[in-house]
Amino acid sequence: MKIDLNNVHIVLVEPKNPGNIGAAARAMKNMGIHHLRLVNPVEYRDVEEQKKMGYRSQEIISSSREFDSLAVALGDISTVFLATTRKGKWKKDFLHPNQAAVLIAERIAKEKIAVVFGREDSGVTIDESQFANYYIRIPTAVDYPSLNLAQSVMVMVYEIFKLAGKSQEKIVFPKRAEKKKYERLYNNIWSLMKSLEFREDDKGLFHRSLKRALNRTHWTNADIAVFDRACKQVRWYIDSLLNKEETK
């Protein structure tokens, strides 16, 4: 599934830290989301802290839009997701970030979607929370989570990006060596061990463990050649020592 991220809008309500705005923009840039809306933000556009945290993301800052209220900011939005940690009678059925991302993917082709993040210190008001169609809680290992604003944005835009199809590149392993080359290496190692007076019968524990260990690798022909050469070098060194002993 591949979705168009152009309909995703990140909305920050009264952010008080320019660095958080810059870091949020940087998270968005990395995940391919470009629309940022801010409700009554602190001064941020030309603030050094914002520029530092929003490294290479200033095009998002330049095109960001500011609004006097959340209602106005959401005026042209069809579906609103609110990230919050606070429960209340207006906020009951919380979604995990990945669940929210699935719903966003289902709607994004035809609707403008907003993901809203509240104030760093107090979240959103009860009235503001009523604009949400869905509520999101980011699970944490502690009872009282303290995720930074930009960290929360990063979690959500990443989950959305995962469903965009752009991160679903197939992992391609290099061509694995043929079994007969694994068998050759196995025999080389076993022969070397026996030359070192390793005292264990064929088909013993080490014998089986060695074969199992080799079969669990994803080595290429070149990888196996490296170990073949190592065995050859050790065997040559052993033979040279034996020859020196014989000539004494």
Protein backbone atom coordinates (compact mmCIF):
# COMPACT_ATOMS: atom_id res chain seq x y z
CA MET A 1 0.00 0.00 0.00
CA LYS A 2 1.34 3.40 -0.94
CA ILE A 3 -0.30 6.58 0.27
CA ASP A 4 0.12 10.24 -0.58
CA LEU A 5 1.39 12.15 2.44
CA ASN A 6 0.43 15.53 1.00
CA ASN A 7 -2.90 15.46 2.85
CA VAL A 8 -1.29 15.05 6.27
CA HIS A 9 -1.08 18.21 8.40
CA ILE A 10 0.76 18.40 11.71
CA VAL A 11 -0.81 20.93 14.08
CA LEU A 12 1.00 22.25 17.16
CA VAL A 13 -1.13 24.11 19.71
CA GLU A 14 0.65 27.06 21.33
CA PRO A 15 4.16 25.57 21.34
CA LYS A 16 6.34 27.48 23.78
CA ASN A 17 9.79 26.29 22.75
CA PRO A 18 11.30 27.28 19.38
CA GLY A 19 13.58 24.25 19.56
CA ASN A 20 10.59 21.92 19.78
CA ILE A 21 9.13 23.50 16.65
CA GLY A 22 12.39 23.05 14.78
CA ALA A 23 12.78 19.45 15.97
CA ALA A 24 9.20 18.67 14.97
CA ALA A 25 9.85 20.10 11.50
CA ARG A 26 12.98 17.98 11.21
CA ALA A 27 11.04 14.84 12.15
CA MET A 28 8.43 15.70 9.54
CA LYS A 29 11.05 16.28 6.87
CA ASN A 30 12.67 12.92 7.54
CA MET A 31 9.33 11.16 7.20
CA GLY A 32 8.13 13.02 4.08
CA ILE A 33 5.42 15.15 5.71
CA HIS A 34 5.59 18.85 4.87
CA HIS A 35 2.51 20.70 6.14
CA LEU A 36 2.94 22.33 9.55
CA ARG A 37 0.29 24.47 11.24
CA LEU A 38 0.78 26.32 14.50
CA VAL A 39 -1.77 27.86 16.84
CA ASN A 40 -0.47 30.99 18.60
CA PRO A 41 3.16 29.83 18.62
CA VAL A 42 6.10 31.48 20.31
CA GLU A 43 8.34 33.41 17.90
CA TYR A 44 10.29 30.80 15.98
CA ARG A 45 10.93 31.55 12.32
CA ASP A 46 14.24 33.38 12.73
CA VAL A 47 15.18 32.03 16.14
CA GLU A 48 18.58 30.35 16.27
CA GLU A 49 17.43 27.50 18.52
CA GLN A 50 14.72 26.60 16.04
CA LYS A 51 17.15 26.71 13.14
CA LYS A 52 19.59 24.49 15.00
CA MET A 53 16.98 21.87 15.91
CA GLY A 54 15.29 22.15 12.51
CA TYR A 55 18.48 21.56 10.56
CA ARG A 56 17.80 21.17 6.83
CA SER A 57 14.07 21.52 7.44
CA GLN A 58 13.63 25.25 7.00
CA GLU A 59 11.42 24.88 3.95
CA ILE A 60 8.80 23.40 6.28
CA ILE A 61 9.25 26.34 8.63
CA SER A 62 9.03 28.82 5.78
CA SER A 63 5.77 27.35 4.51
CA SER A 64 4.25 26.79 7.96
CA ARG A 65 0.96 28.53 8.70
CA GLU A 66 -0.09 30.28 11.89
CA PHE A 67 -3.60 30.55 13.31
CA ASP A 68 -5.31 32.36 16.16
CA SER A 69 -7.25 29.30 17.33
CA LEU A 70 -7.39 25.56 16.87
CA ALA A 71 -10.88 25.91 15.39
CA VAL A 72 -9.56 28.10 12.58
CA ALA A 73 -6.52 25.88 12.06
CA LEU A 74 -8.81 22.89 11.52
CA GLY A 75 -11.36 24.71 9.39
CA ASP A 76 -10.55 22.87 6.14
CA ILE A 77 -9.66 19.54 7.79
CA SER A 78 -11.95 16.52 7.47
CA THR A 79 -10.57 14.16 10.12
CA VAL A 80 -8.69 15.11 13.28
CA PHE A 81 -6.43 12.89 15.40
CA LEU A 82 -5.37 14.26 18.78
CA ALA A 83 -2.29 12.92 20.54
CA THR A 84 -2.83 13.20 24.30
CA THR A 85 -2.04 11.43 27.55
CA ARG A 86 -4.99 12.81 29.47
CA LYS A 87 -8.18 10.87 29.96
CA GLY A 88 -11.61 12.40 30.35
CA LYS A 89 -15.24 11.88 29.53
CA TRP A 90 -14.65 13.33 26.07
CA LYS A 91 -11.65 11.07 25.49
CA LYS A 92 -12.44 7.40 25.82
CA ASP A 93 -11.36 5.12 23.01
CA PHE A 94 -7.65 5.69 22.59
CA LEU A 95 -5.72 4.41 19.60
CA HIS A 96 -2.12 3.31 19.51
CA PRO A 97 -0.01 5.25 16.99
CA ASN A 98 0.06 2.34 14.54
CA GLN A 99 -3.73 1.97 14.73
CA ALA A 100 -4.15 5.67 14.04
CA ALA A 101 -1.78 5.39 11.08
CA VAL A 102 -3.96 2.64 9.57
CA LEU A 103 -7.04 4.86 9.82
CA ILE A 104 -5.12 7.77 8.31
CA ALA A 105 -4.03 5.57 5.41
CA GLU A 106 -7.64 4.60 4.76
CA ARG A 107 -8.80 8.23 4.52
CA ILE A 108 -5.87 10.16 3.20
CA ALA A 109 -6.56 9.79 -0.50
CA LYS A 110 -9.76 11.83 -0.28
CA GLU A 111 -9.51 13.77 2.98
CA LYS A 112 -7.27 16.30 4.66
CA ILE A 113 -6.01 14.78 7.88
CA ALA A 114 -4.70 16.67 10.91
CA VAL A 115 -2.65 15.20 13.72
CA VAL A 116 -2.83 17.62 16.64
CA PHE A 117 -0.35 17.98 19.50
CA GLY A 118 -1.16 20.09 22.54
CA ARG A 119 0.88 22.49 24.62
CA GLU A 120 4.09 21.16 26.12
CA ASP A 121 2.93 21.78 29.68
CA SER A 122 -0.84 21.44 29.61
CA GLY A 123 -1.95 19.73 26.40
CA VAL A 124 -5.27 20.95 25.01
CA THR A 125 -8.35 22.29 26.73
CA ILE A 126 -11.58 20.33 27.02
CA ASP A 127 -13.15 22.51 24.33
CA GLU A 128 -10.20 21.98 22.01
CA SER A 129 -10.26 18.22 22.57
CA GLN A 130 -13.80 18.08 21.22
CA PHE A 131 -12.54 18.85 17.71
CA ALA A 132 -10.91 15.40 17.61
CA ASN A 133 -12.45 12.48 15.78
CA TYR A 134 -9.89 10.11 17.30
CA TYR A 135 -7.56 10.19 20.27
CA ILE A 136 -4.06 8.75 20.30
CA ARG A 137 -1.99 7.67 23.28
CA ILE A 138 1.64 6.80 22.74
CA PRO A 139 2.39 3.81 25.02
CA THR A 140 5.39 4.04 27.30
CA ALA A 141 7.05 1.89 29.95
CA VAL A 142 6.11 4.31 32.75
CA ASP A 143 2.75 5.30 34.21
CA TYR A 144 3.33 9.02 33.76
CA PRO A 145 4.96 9.50 30.35
CA SER A 146 6.94 12.64 29.68
CA LEU A 147 7.58 12.54 25.97
CA ASN A 148 8.92 15.74 24.51
CA LEU A 149 6.65 17.42 21.94
CA ALA A 150 9.03 16.70 19.08
CA GLN A 151 9.44 13.09 20.23
CA SER A 152 5.68 12.62 20.09
CA VAL A 153 5.59 14.10 16.60
CA MET A 154 8.40 11.76 15.54
CA VAL A 155 6.53 8.68 16.74
CA MET A 156 3.40 9.62 14.82
CA VAL A 157 4.98 10.71 11.55
CA TYR A 158 7.10 7.55 11.55
CA GLU A 159 4.04 5.33 11.94
CA ILE A 160 2.33 7.19 9.09
CA PHE A 161 5.44 6.97 6.94
CA LYS A 162 5.67 3.21 7.43
CA LEU A 163 2.33 2.85 5.65
CA ALA A 164 3.33 5.19 2.85
CA GLY A 165 5.18 2.37 1.14
CA LYS A 166 8.35 4.44 0.91
CA SER A 167 9.98 2.58 3.77
CA GLN A 168 8.96 -0.86 2.56
CA GLU A 169 12.07 -1.51 0.51
CA LYS A 170 12.78 -5.19 0.20
CA ILE A 171 15.81 -6.33 2.14
CA VAL A 172 18.12 -8.00 -0.37
CA PHE A 173 20.72 -10.32 1.04
CA PRO A 174 23.78 -11.10 -1.07
CA LYS A 175 23.75 -14.45 -2.85
CA ARG A 176 24.48 -17.18 -0.35
CA ALA A 177 27.30 -19.59 -1.09
CA GLU A 178 26.41 -23.06 -2.33
CA LYS A 179 26.10 -25.88 0.18
CA LYS A 180 29.10 -27.68 -1.26
CA LYS A 181 31.29 -24.68 -0.40
CA TYR A 182 29.95 -24.64 3.14
CA GLU A 183 30.77 -28.35 3.29
CA ARG A 184 34.29 -27.67 2.08
CA LEU A 185 34.82 -25.03 4.74
CA TYR A 186 33.35 -27.31 7.36
CA ASN A 187 35.78 -30.07 6.37
CA ASN A 188 38.69 -27.62 6.37
CA ILE A 189 37.91 -26.44 9.89
CA TRP A 190 37.33 -29.95 11.17
CA SER A 191 40.56 -31.19 9.61
CA LEU A 192 42.43 -28.28 11.13
CA MET A 193 40.97 -28.96 14.57
CA LYS A 194 42.04 -32.60 14.36
CA SER A 195 45.57 -31.55 13.35
CA LEU A 196 45.65 -29.51 16.57
CA GLU A 197 45.00 -32.75 18.47
CA PHE A 198 41.41 -31.81 19.17
CA ARG A 199 40.10 -34.87 21.01
CA GLU A 200 36.56 -35.52 19.94
CA ASP A 201 35.12 -38.21 17.72
CA ASP A 202 33.50 -37.49 14.39
CA LYS A 203 29.82 -36.61 14.79
CA GLY A 204 30.49 -35.42 18.35
CA LEU A 205 29.10 -32.26 19.95
CA PHE A 206 31.59 -29.86 18.39
CA HIS A 207 31.25 -31.61 15.05
CA ARG A 208 27.48 -31.06 15.04
CA SER A 209 27.69 -27.56 16.52
CA LEU A 210 30.16 -26.45 13.86
CA LYS A 211 27.92 -27.59 11.04
CA ARG A 212 24.86 -25.98 12.64
CA ALA A 213 26.71 -22.68 13.16
CA LEU A 214 27.87 -22.55 9.56
CA ASN A 215 24.42 -23.35 8.21
CA ARG A 216 22.94 -20.41 10.15
CA THR A 217 25.14 -17.86 8.37
CA HIS A 218 24.41 -15.95 5.16
CA TRP A 219 27.96 -16.05 3.87
CA THR A 220 28.84 -15.47 0.24
CA ASN A 221 31.49 -17.29 -1.78
CA ALA A 222 33.89 -14.48 -0.91
CA ASP A 223 33.14 -14.83 2.81
CA ILE A 224 33.86 -18.54 2.77
CA ALA A 225 37.04 -17.96 0.78
CA VAL A 226 38.30 -15.75 3.64
CA PHE A 227 37.91 -18.55 6.17
CA ASP A 228 39.31 -21.12 3.77
CA ARG A 229 42.41 -18.97 3.49
CA ALA A 230 42.63 -18.61 7.26
CA CYS A 231 42.53 -22.40 7.65
CA LYS A 232 45.15 -22.78 4.94
CA GLN A 233 47.43 -20.26 6.63
CA VAL A 234 47.13 -21.93 10.03
CA ARG A 235 47.80 -25.34 8.47
CA TRP A 236 50.87 -23.98 6.66
CA TYR A 237 52.18 -22.51 9.90
CA ILE A 238 51.69 -25.80 11.73
CA ASP A 239 53.48 -27.70 8.94
CA SER A 240 56.37 -25.22 8.99
CA LEU A 241 56.78 -25.70 12.73
CA LEU A 242 56.77 -29.48 12.31
CA ASN A 243 59.39 -29.26 9.54
CA LYS A 244 61.63 -27.16 11.73
CA GLU A 245 61.36 -29.72 14.49
CA GLU A 246 62.31 -32.51 12.09
CA THR A 247 65.39 -30.71 10.82
CA LYS A 248 66.84 -30.11 14.25
